[in-house]
């Protein structure tokens, strides 16, 4: 039996908070218990929000917490060619199509139903675009993303997503195609992440099936929440590990606070 491989995969769009620390420590503990490996992956495909200082802070904060990982960390922005190759495979099999709609246009023609993230389902404006025309638009550099063609794949487990965007317009990739590609390339066997990501798992399993990739074991842990019951988030400027450290907290304090004595 191969050695288990776990991964912690933060985005460098802000400083790590207690919720990130919990996920990192849980991955670390489970990897050690299974005598497995722990990888670190920097998910920075959204280059408009990612910053080098946040990436460096991730390394510093994890080391301070006592989390160790195999070097080097995989940085997604260095591997767009891998994601583009899998997108090409999916397009060739008719499972996805390019979407040239701006966010405003997509919203204007959206369906009344919503996906698990709360976003309106795409109305399908670009679904019927002839491939030759789509190729011409791509060749001349028209901004586009890539959407799953749910009518083609006919997967009951993911129908709630509608024609989900798996590679964002003006970004080059997105969480869905990048994470599936990376997990396969890195040999990840166990994905341990928050319950807020759980609704995406059927979509990831669909992409794995279409691409002939192995599907890891998934475990979704509870979220760390603030006093009002909201999940901690970088976008909400939740108190960072760096701030807690500056206020005098030690790594042992935080580990005990999170249940990792």
Foldseek 3Di string as FASTA:
>chain_A
DDAAEEEQEEEQLFFAALQSVLLLVVSQVVSVVSVHAYAYEHEHLQVVRHDPVSVVNVVVLCVQLVRDHDPDHHYLVVPLVLLVVLVVLCVVVVFKDKALDDPVRQVVQFDPAAAPVRHTAGNCPCVPPDPVVRVVCVVVPRWIFMWTCCVVLVDVLHVSCHRPTQQDTPRSGDDQSSVLSVCQVVVHAEYEEAPSCVSCLVVNVSSCVSSVGDDHHYDHDYADADPVRHGDDRVVVGPHPVNVVVVPDGSVNSCVVSPND
